[in-house]
């Protein structure tokens, strides 16, 4: 079964752009330091505002890190398309089902190998 690489290349490129846009948005939302965000607060409000700003920043950093991991996975999938290995499980060498690729276009393993990996 041959995978429609043109279709998946387009899906991956669209998803890549969406992730890049999300990372850029996070950078625009957090241009300065936490001190910059909370410098106008009174002493009473300062601790609460700093805690809120810190939590918000940590959430954004986690989102950015996750987005960068997805971006790296997408780039890997696009490279596999160019190499002619897209849609082949890196563990067992069997084809990755089209359904799995439709759900996670950057998947590197077939569903059976993924299940084995998750069981440890």
N, C-alpha and C. Protein backbone atom coordinates (compact mmCIF):
# COMPACT_ATOMS: atom_id res chain seq x y z
N UNK A 1 0.83 -1.18 0.00
CA UNK A 1 0.00 0.00 0.00
C UNK A 1 0.88 1.25 0.00
N UNK A 2 0.75 2.06 -0.99
CA UNK A 2 1.53 3.29 -1.08
C UNK A 2 0.77 4.43 -0.41
N UNK A 3 1.49 5.19 0.38
CA UNK A 3 0.90 6.33 1.07
C UNK A 3 0.91 7.52 0.12
N UNK A 4 -0.14 8.29 0.13
CA UNK A 4 -0.25 9.49 -0.69
C UNK A 4 0.61 10.58 -0.08
N UNK A 5 1.92 10.56 -0.42
CA UNK A 5 2.86 11.49 0.21
C UNK A 5 2.56 12.94 -0.13
N UNK A 6 2.02 13.20 -1.31
CA UNK A 6 1.69 14.59 -1.66
C UNK A 6 0.64 15.15 -0.71
N UNK A 7 -0.36 14.34 -0.42
CA UNK A 7 -1.41 14.77 0.52
C UNK A 7 -0.83 15.03 1.90
N UNK A 8 0.02 14.12 2.37
CA UNK A 8 0.60 14.28 3.70
C UNK A 8 1.63 15.41 3.73
N UNK A 9 2.35 15.62 2.66
CA UNK A 9 3.29 16.75 2.60
C UNK A 9 2.52 18.05 2.79
N UNK A 10 1.38 18.18 2.12
CA UNK A 10 0.56 19.38 2.25
C UNK A 10 0.02 19.53 3.68
N UNK A 11 -0.48 18.44 4.25
CA UNK A 11 -0.96 18.47 5.63
C UNK A 11 0.14 18.89 6.59
N UNK A 12 1.32 18.31 6.41
CA UNK A 12 2.44 18.62 7.28
C UNK A 12 2.88 20.08 7.13
N UNK A 13 2.91 20.58 5.92
CA UNK A 13 3.31 21.97 5.72
C UNK A 13 2.30 22.94 6.33
N UNK A 14 1.01 22.60 6.23
CA UNK A 14 -0.03 23.44 6.86
C UNK A 14 0.11 23.41 8.38
N UNK A 15 0.31 22.23 8.93
CA UNK A 15 0.47 22.10 10.38
C UNK A 15 1.74 22.81 10.85
N UNK A 16 2.80 22.71 10.05
CA UNK A 16 4.06 23.38 10.39
C UNK A 16 3.84 24.89 10.48
N UNK A 17 3.12 25.45 9.53
CA UNK A 17 2.86 26.88 9.55
C UNK A 17 2.03 27.27 10.76
N UNK A 18 1.06 26.43 11.10
CA UNK A 18 0.22 26.70 12.27
C UNK A 18 1.07 26.71 13.55
N UNK A 19 2.00 25.77 13.67
CA UNK A 19 2.85 25.68 14.85
C UNK A 19 3.81 26.87 14.90
N UNK A 20 4.40 27.23 13.76
CA UNK A 20 5.29 28.40 13.71
C UNK A 20 4.53 29.65 14.13
N UNK A 21 3.32 29.82 13.63
CA UNK A 21 2.49 30.97 14.01
C UNK A 21 2.21 30.98 15.51
N UNK A 22 1.95 29.81 16.08
CA UNK A 22 1.68 29.71 17.52
C UNK A 22 2.92 30.10 18.33
N UNK A 23 4.09 29.66 17.90
CA UNK A 23 5.34 30.02 18.60
C UNK A 23 5.57 31.52 18.51
N UNK A 24 5.38 32.09 17.34
CA UNK A 24 5.55 33.54 17.17
C UNK A 24 4.58 34.31 18.06
N UNK A 25 3.35 33.82 18.17
CA UNK A 25 2.35 34.46 19.03
C UNK A 25 2.81 34.44 20.49
N UNK A 26 3.33 33.29 20.94
CA UNK A 26 3.82 33.20 22.31
C UNK A 26 4.96 34.17 22.54
N UNK A 27 5.84 34.34 21.57
CA UNK A 27 6.95 35.29 21.71
C UNK A 27 6.43 36.72 21.80
N UNK A 28 5.41 37.05 21.04
CA UNK A 28 4.84 38.39 21.09
C UNK A 28 4.13 38.65 22.41
N UNK A 29 3.51 37.61 22.97
CA UNK A 29 2.79 37.75 24.23
C UNK A 29 3.73 37.92 25.42
N UNK A 30 4.95 37.44 25.30
CA UNK A 30 5.91 37.46 26.42
C UNK A 30 7.22 38.12 26.02
N UNK A 31 7.19 39.40 25.60
CA UNK A 31 8.43 40.01 25.13
C UNK A 31 9.40 40.39 26.24
N UNK A 32 8.90 40.69 27.44
CA UNK A 32 9.75 41.15 28.53
C UNK A 32 9.85 40.13 29.64
N UNK A 33 10.35 40.61 30.77
CA UNK A 33 10.49 39.74 31.94
C UNK A 33 9.24 39.83 32.80
N UNK A 34 9.17 38.96 33.77
CA UNK A 34 8.05 39.00 34.71
C UNK A 34 8.08 40.32 35.49
N UNK A 35 9.27 40.82 35.79
CA UNK A 35 9.38 42.10 36.49
C UNK A 35 8.75 43.22 35.67
N UNK A 36 8.93 43.17 34.35
CA UNK A 36 8.31 44.18 33.48
C UNK A 36 6.79 44.14 33.60
N UNK A 37 6.24 42.95 33.71
CA UNK A 37 4.79 42.80 33.78
C UNK A 37 4.21 43.29 35.09
N UNK A 38 4.99 43.22 36.17
CA UNK A 38 4.45 43.48 37.50
C UNK A 38 5.04 44.73 38.14
N UNK A 39 5.81 45.53 37.44
CA UNK A 39 6.50 46.65 38.06
C UNK A 39 5.57 47.76 38.55
N UNK A 40 4.39 47.90 38.01
CA UNK A 40 3.48 48.96 38.43
C UNK A 40 2.60 48.57 39.60
N UNK A 41 2.77 47.38 40.13
CA UNK A 41 1.89 46.90 41.20
C UNK A 41 2.31 47.47 42.55
N UNK A 42 1.34 47.62 43.47
CA UNK A 42 1.65 48.00 44.84
C UNK A 42 2.21 46.80 45.56
N UNK A 43 2.78 47.01 46.74
CA UNK A 43 3.38 45.91 47.50
C UNK A 43 2.36 44.83 47.81
N UNK A 44 1.14 45.23 48.19
CA UNK A 44 0.11 44.25 48.54
C UNK A 44 -0.26 43.36 47.35
N UNK A 45 -0.35 43.96 46.20
CA UNK A 45 -0.73 43.21 45.00
C UNK A 45 0.46 42.51 44.35
N UNK A 46 1.64 42.93 44.71
CA UNK A 46 2.84 42.47 44.00
C UNK A 46 3.00 40.95 44.05
N UNK A 47 2.88 40.33 45.24
CA UNK A 47 3.09 38.88 45.35
C UNK A 47 2.07 38.11 44.53
N UNK A 48 0.81 38.49 44.61
CA UNK A 48 -0.23 37.80 43.85
C UNK A 48 -0.03 37.99 42.35
N UNK A 49 0.27 39.21 41.95
CA UNK A 49 0.49 39.48 40.52
C UNK A 49 1.72 38.76 40.00
N UNK A 50 2.78 38.73 40.81
CA UNK A 50 4.00 38.02 40.40
C UNK A 50 3.73 36.53 40.27
N UNK A 51 2.97 35.97 41.22
CA UNK A 51 2.63 34.54 41.15
C UNK A 51 1.81 34.24 39.91
N UNK A 52 0.83 35.09 39.62
CA UNK A 52 0.00 34.90 38.43
C UNK A 52 0.84 35.01 37.17
N UNK A 53 1.69 36.03 37.11
CA UNK A 53 2.55 36.23 35.93
C UNK A 53 3.51 35.05 35.76
N UNK A 54 4.03 34.55 36.88
CA UNK A 54 4.95 33.41 36.82
C UNK A 54 4.23 32.16 36.31
N UNK A 55 3.04 31.90 36.82
CA UNK A 55 2.28 30.74 36.35
C UNK A 55 1.95 30.87 34.87
N UNK A 56 1.47 32.04 34.47
CA UNK A 56 1.16 32.26 33.05
C UNK A 56 2.40 32.04 32.18
N UNK A 57 3.53 32.55 32.62
CA UNK A 57 4.77 32.41 31.86
C UNK A 57 5.19 30.94 31.78
N UNK A 58 5.06 30.20 32.88
CA UNK A 58 5.42 28.78 32.87
C UNK A 58 4.53 27.99 31.92
N UNK A 59 3.25 28.32 31.89
CA UNK A 59 2.32 27.66 30.96
C UNK A 59 2.74 27.97 29.53
N UNK A 60 3.05 29.22 29.25
CA UNK A 60 3.48 29.61 27.91
C UNK A 60 4.78 28.92 27.52
N UNK A 61 5.73 28.81 28.45
CA UNK A 61 6.99 28.13 28.14
C UNK A 61 6.74 26.66 27.83
N UNK A 62 5.82 26.04 28.58
CA UNK A 62 5.48 24.63 28.32
C UNK A 62 4.83 24.49 26.95
N UNK A 63 3.91 25.39 26.62
CA UNK A 63 3.28 25.37 25.30
C UNK A 63 4.33 25.56 24.20
N UNK A 64 5.25 26.49 24.42
CA UNK A 64 6.28 26.74 23.42
C UNK A 64 7.19 25.53 23.25
N UNK A 65 7.59 24.91 24.36
CA UNK A 65 8.44 23.72 24.29
C UNK A 65 7.73 22.60 23.53
N UNK A 66 6.45 22.38 23.85
CA UNK A 66 5.68 21.36 23.16
C UNK A 66 5.58 21.69 21.66
N UNK A 67 5.32 22.95 21.35
CA UNK A 67 5.21 23.37 19.95
C UNK A 67 6.53 23.14 19.21
N UNK A 68 7.64 23.43 19.88
CA UNK A 68 8.94 23.22 19.25
C UNK A 68 9.20 21.73 19.02
N UNK A 69 8.74 20.88 19.94
CA UNK A 69 8.88 19.43 19.75
C UNK A 69 8.05 18.96 18.56
N UNK A 70 6.82 19.46 18.45
CA UNK A 70 5.96 19.11 17.31
C UNK A 70 6.60 19.60 16.01
N UNK A 71 7.14 20.83 16.04
CA UNK A 71 7.79 21.38 14.85
C UNK A 71 8.95 20.50 14.41
N UNK A 72 9.73 20.04 15.36
CA UNK A 72 10.85 19.15 15.05
C UNK A 72 10.34 17.83 14.45
N UNK A 73 9.25 17.31 14.99
CA UNK A 73 8.67 16.06 14.47
C UNK A 73 8.14 16.25 13.05
N UNK A 74 7.52 17.40 12.80
CA UNK A 74 7.02 17.71 11.46
C UNK A 74 8.17 17.81 10.48
N UNK A 75 9.23 18.51 10.88
CA UNK A 75 10.41 18.62 10.00
C UNK A 75 11.01 17.25 9.70
N UNK A 76 11.00 16.37 10.70
CA UNK A 76 11.49 15.01 10.48
C UNK A 76 10.63 14.25 9.49
N UNK A 77 9.31 14.43 9.60
CA UNK A 77 8.39 13.76 8.66
C UNK A 77 8.59 14.30 7.24
N UNK A 78 8.76 15.61 7.10
CA UNK A 78 9.00 16.18 5.77
C UNK A 78 10.32 15.65 5.19
N UNK A 79 11.32 15.49 6.04
CA UNK A 79 12.60 14.93 5.58
C UNK A 79 12.42 13.47 5.13
N UNK A 80 11.60 12.71 5.88
CA UNK A 80 11.35 11.30 5.48
C UNK A 80 10.62 11.23 4.15
N UNK A 81 9.74 12.20 3.89
CA UNK A 81 9.07 12.24 2.58
C UNK A 81 10.11 12.42 1.49
N UNK A 82 11.03 13.35 1.70
CA UNK A 82 12.08 13.60 0.70
C UNK A 82 13.00 12.39 0.52
N UNK A 83 13.23 11.65 1.60
CA UNK A 83 14.10 10.47 1.56
C UNK A 83 13.39 9.23 1.04
N UNK A 84 12.06 9.31 0.94
CA UNK A 84 11.29 8.16 0.47
C UNK A 84 11.00 7.14 1.54
N UNK A 85 11.15 7.52 2.82
CA UNK A 85 10.92 6.57 3.90
C UNK A 85 9.67 6.92 4.72
N UNK A 86 8.93 7.93 4.30
CA UNK A 86 7.74 8.34 5.03
C UNK A 86 6.70 7.23 5.01
N UNK A 87 6.07 7.00 6.17
CA UNK A 87 5.03 5.99 6.25
C UNK A 87 5.54 4.60 6.58
N UNK A 88 6.85 4.50 6.86
CA UNK A 88 7.45 3.22 7.24
C UNK A 88 7.88 3.30 8.69
N UNK A 89 7.50 2.33 9.48
CA UNK A 89 7.83 2.29 10.90
C UNK A 89 9.35 2.20 11.09
N UNK A 90 9.88 3.08 11.93
CA UNK A 90 11.33 3.09 12.18
C UNK A 90 11.77 1.90 13.03
N UNK A 91 10.82 1.24 13.70
CA UNK A 91 11.17 0.08 14.54
C UNK A 91 11.14 -1.23 13.77
N UNK A 92 10.01 -1.51 13.12
CA UNK A 92 9.85 -2.83 12.50
C UNK A 92 9.93 -2.79 10.97
N UNK A 93 9.90 -1.60 10.38
CA UNK A 93 9.99 -1.48 8.93
C UNK A 93 8.69 -1.74 8.19
N UNK A 94 7.62 -2.01 8.93
CA UNK A 94 6.32 -2.22 8.31
C UNK A 94 5.66 -0.88 8.00
N UNK A 95 4.70 -0.88 7.07
CA UNK A 95 3.99 0.37 6.76
C UNK A 95 3.19 0.86 7.97
N UNK A 96 3.15 2.18 8.14
CA UNK A 96 2.30 2.81 9.14
C UNK A 96 0.95 3.01 8.47
N UNK A 97 -0.12 2.64 9.15
CA UNK A 97 -1.44 2.73 8.53
C UNK A 97 -1.79 4.17 8.17
N UNK A 98 -2.53 4.30 7.09
CA UNK A 98 -2.95 5.63 6.64
C UNK A 98 -3.82 6.31 7.70
N UNK A 99 -4.61 5.52 8.44
CA UNK A 99 -5.43 6.09 9.50
C UNK A 99 -4.57 6.73 10.58
N UNK A 100 -3.48 6.05 10.95
CA UNK A 100 -2.56 6.59 11.97
C UNK A 100 -1.89 7.86 11.45
N UNK A 101 -1.46 7.84 10.21
CA UNK A 101 -0.81 9.02 9.64
C UNK A 101 -1.80 10.18 9.50
N UNK A 102 -3.06 9.87 9.24
CA UNK A 102 -4.07 10.93 9.15
C UNK A 102 -4.26 11.59 10.52
N UNK A 103 -4.17 10.79 11.59
CA UNK A 103 -4.33 11.32 12.94
C UNK A 103 -3.06 12.04 13.41
N UNK A 104 -1.90 11.46 13.11
CA UNK A 104 -0.61 12.03 13.52
C UNK A 104 0.33 11.93 12.32
N UNK A 105 0.30 12.92 11.44
CA UNK A 105 1.08 12.82 10.20
C UNK A 105 2.59 12.69 10.40
N UNK A 106 3.09 13.05 11.58
CA UNK A 106 4.52 12.95 11.84
C UNK A 106 4.89 11.66 12.59
N UNK A 107 3.95 10.72 12.69
CA UNK A 107 4.22 9.45 13.39
C UNK A 107 5.40 8.74 12.75
N UNK A 108 6.25 8.15 13.61
CA UNK A 108 7.41 7.41 13.12
C UNK A 108 7.27 5.90 13.31
N UNK A 109 6.24 5.51 14.08
CA UNK A 109 6.06 4.08 14.35
C UNK A 109 4.64 3.64 14.00
N UNK A 110 4.52 2.37 13.69
CA UNK A 110 3.19 1.80 13.47
C UNK A 110 2.48 1.70 14.81
N UNK A 111 1.21 1.46 14.79
CA UNK A 111 0.43 1.43 16.04
C UNK A 111 0.88 0.30 16.96
N UNK A 112 1.27 -0.84 16.41
CA UNK A 112 1.72 -1.95 17.24
C UNK A 112 3.01 -1.62 17.99
N UNK A 113 3.96 -1.01 17.29
CA UNK A 113 5.23 -0.62 17.94
C UNK A 113 4.99 0.49 18.96
N UNK A 114 4.09 1.40 18.66
CA UNK A 114 3.77 2.47 19.61
C UNK A 114 3.16 1.90 20.88
N UNK A 115 2.27 0.93 20.73
CA UNK A 115 1.66 0.29 21.91
C UNK A 115 2.72 -0.42 22.75
N UNK A 116 3.63 -1.12 22.09
CA UNK A 116 4.72 -1.80 22.81
C UNK A 116 5.59 -0.77 23.56
N UNK A 117 5.88 0.33 22.91
CA UNK A 117 6.69 1.40 23.50
C UNK A 117 6.00 1.98 24.75
N UNK A 118 4.69 2.17 24.66
CA UNK A 118 3.96 2.75 25.79
C UNK A 118 3.85 1.78 26.96
N UNK A 119 3.86 0.50 26.70
CA UNK A 119 3.80 -0.49 27.79
C UNK A 119 5.12 -0.57 28.53
N UNK A 120 6.19 -0.13 27.86
CA UNK A 120 7.50 -0.12 28.50
C UNK A 120 8.18 -1.41 28.37
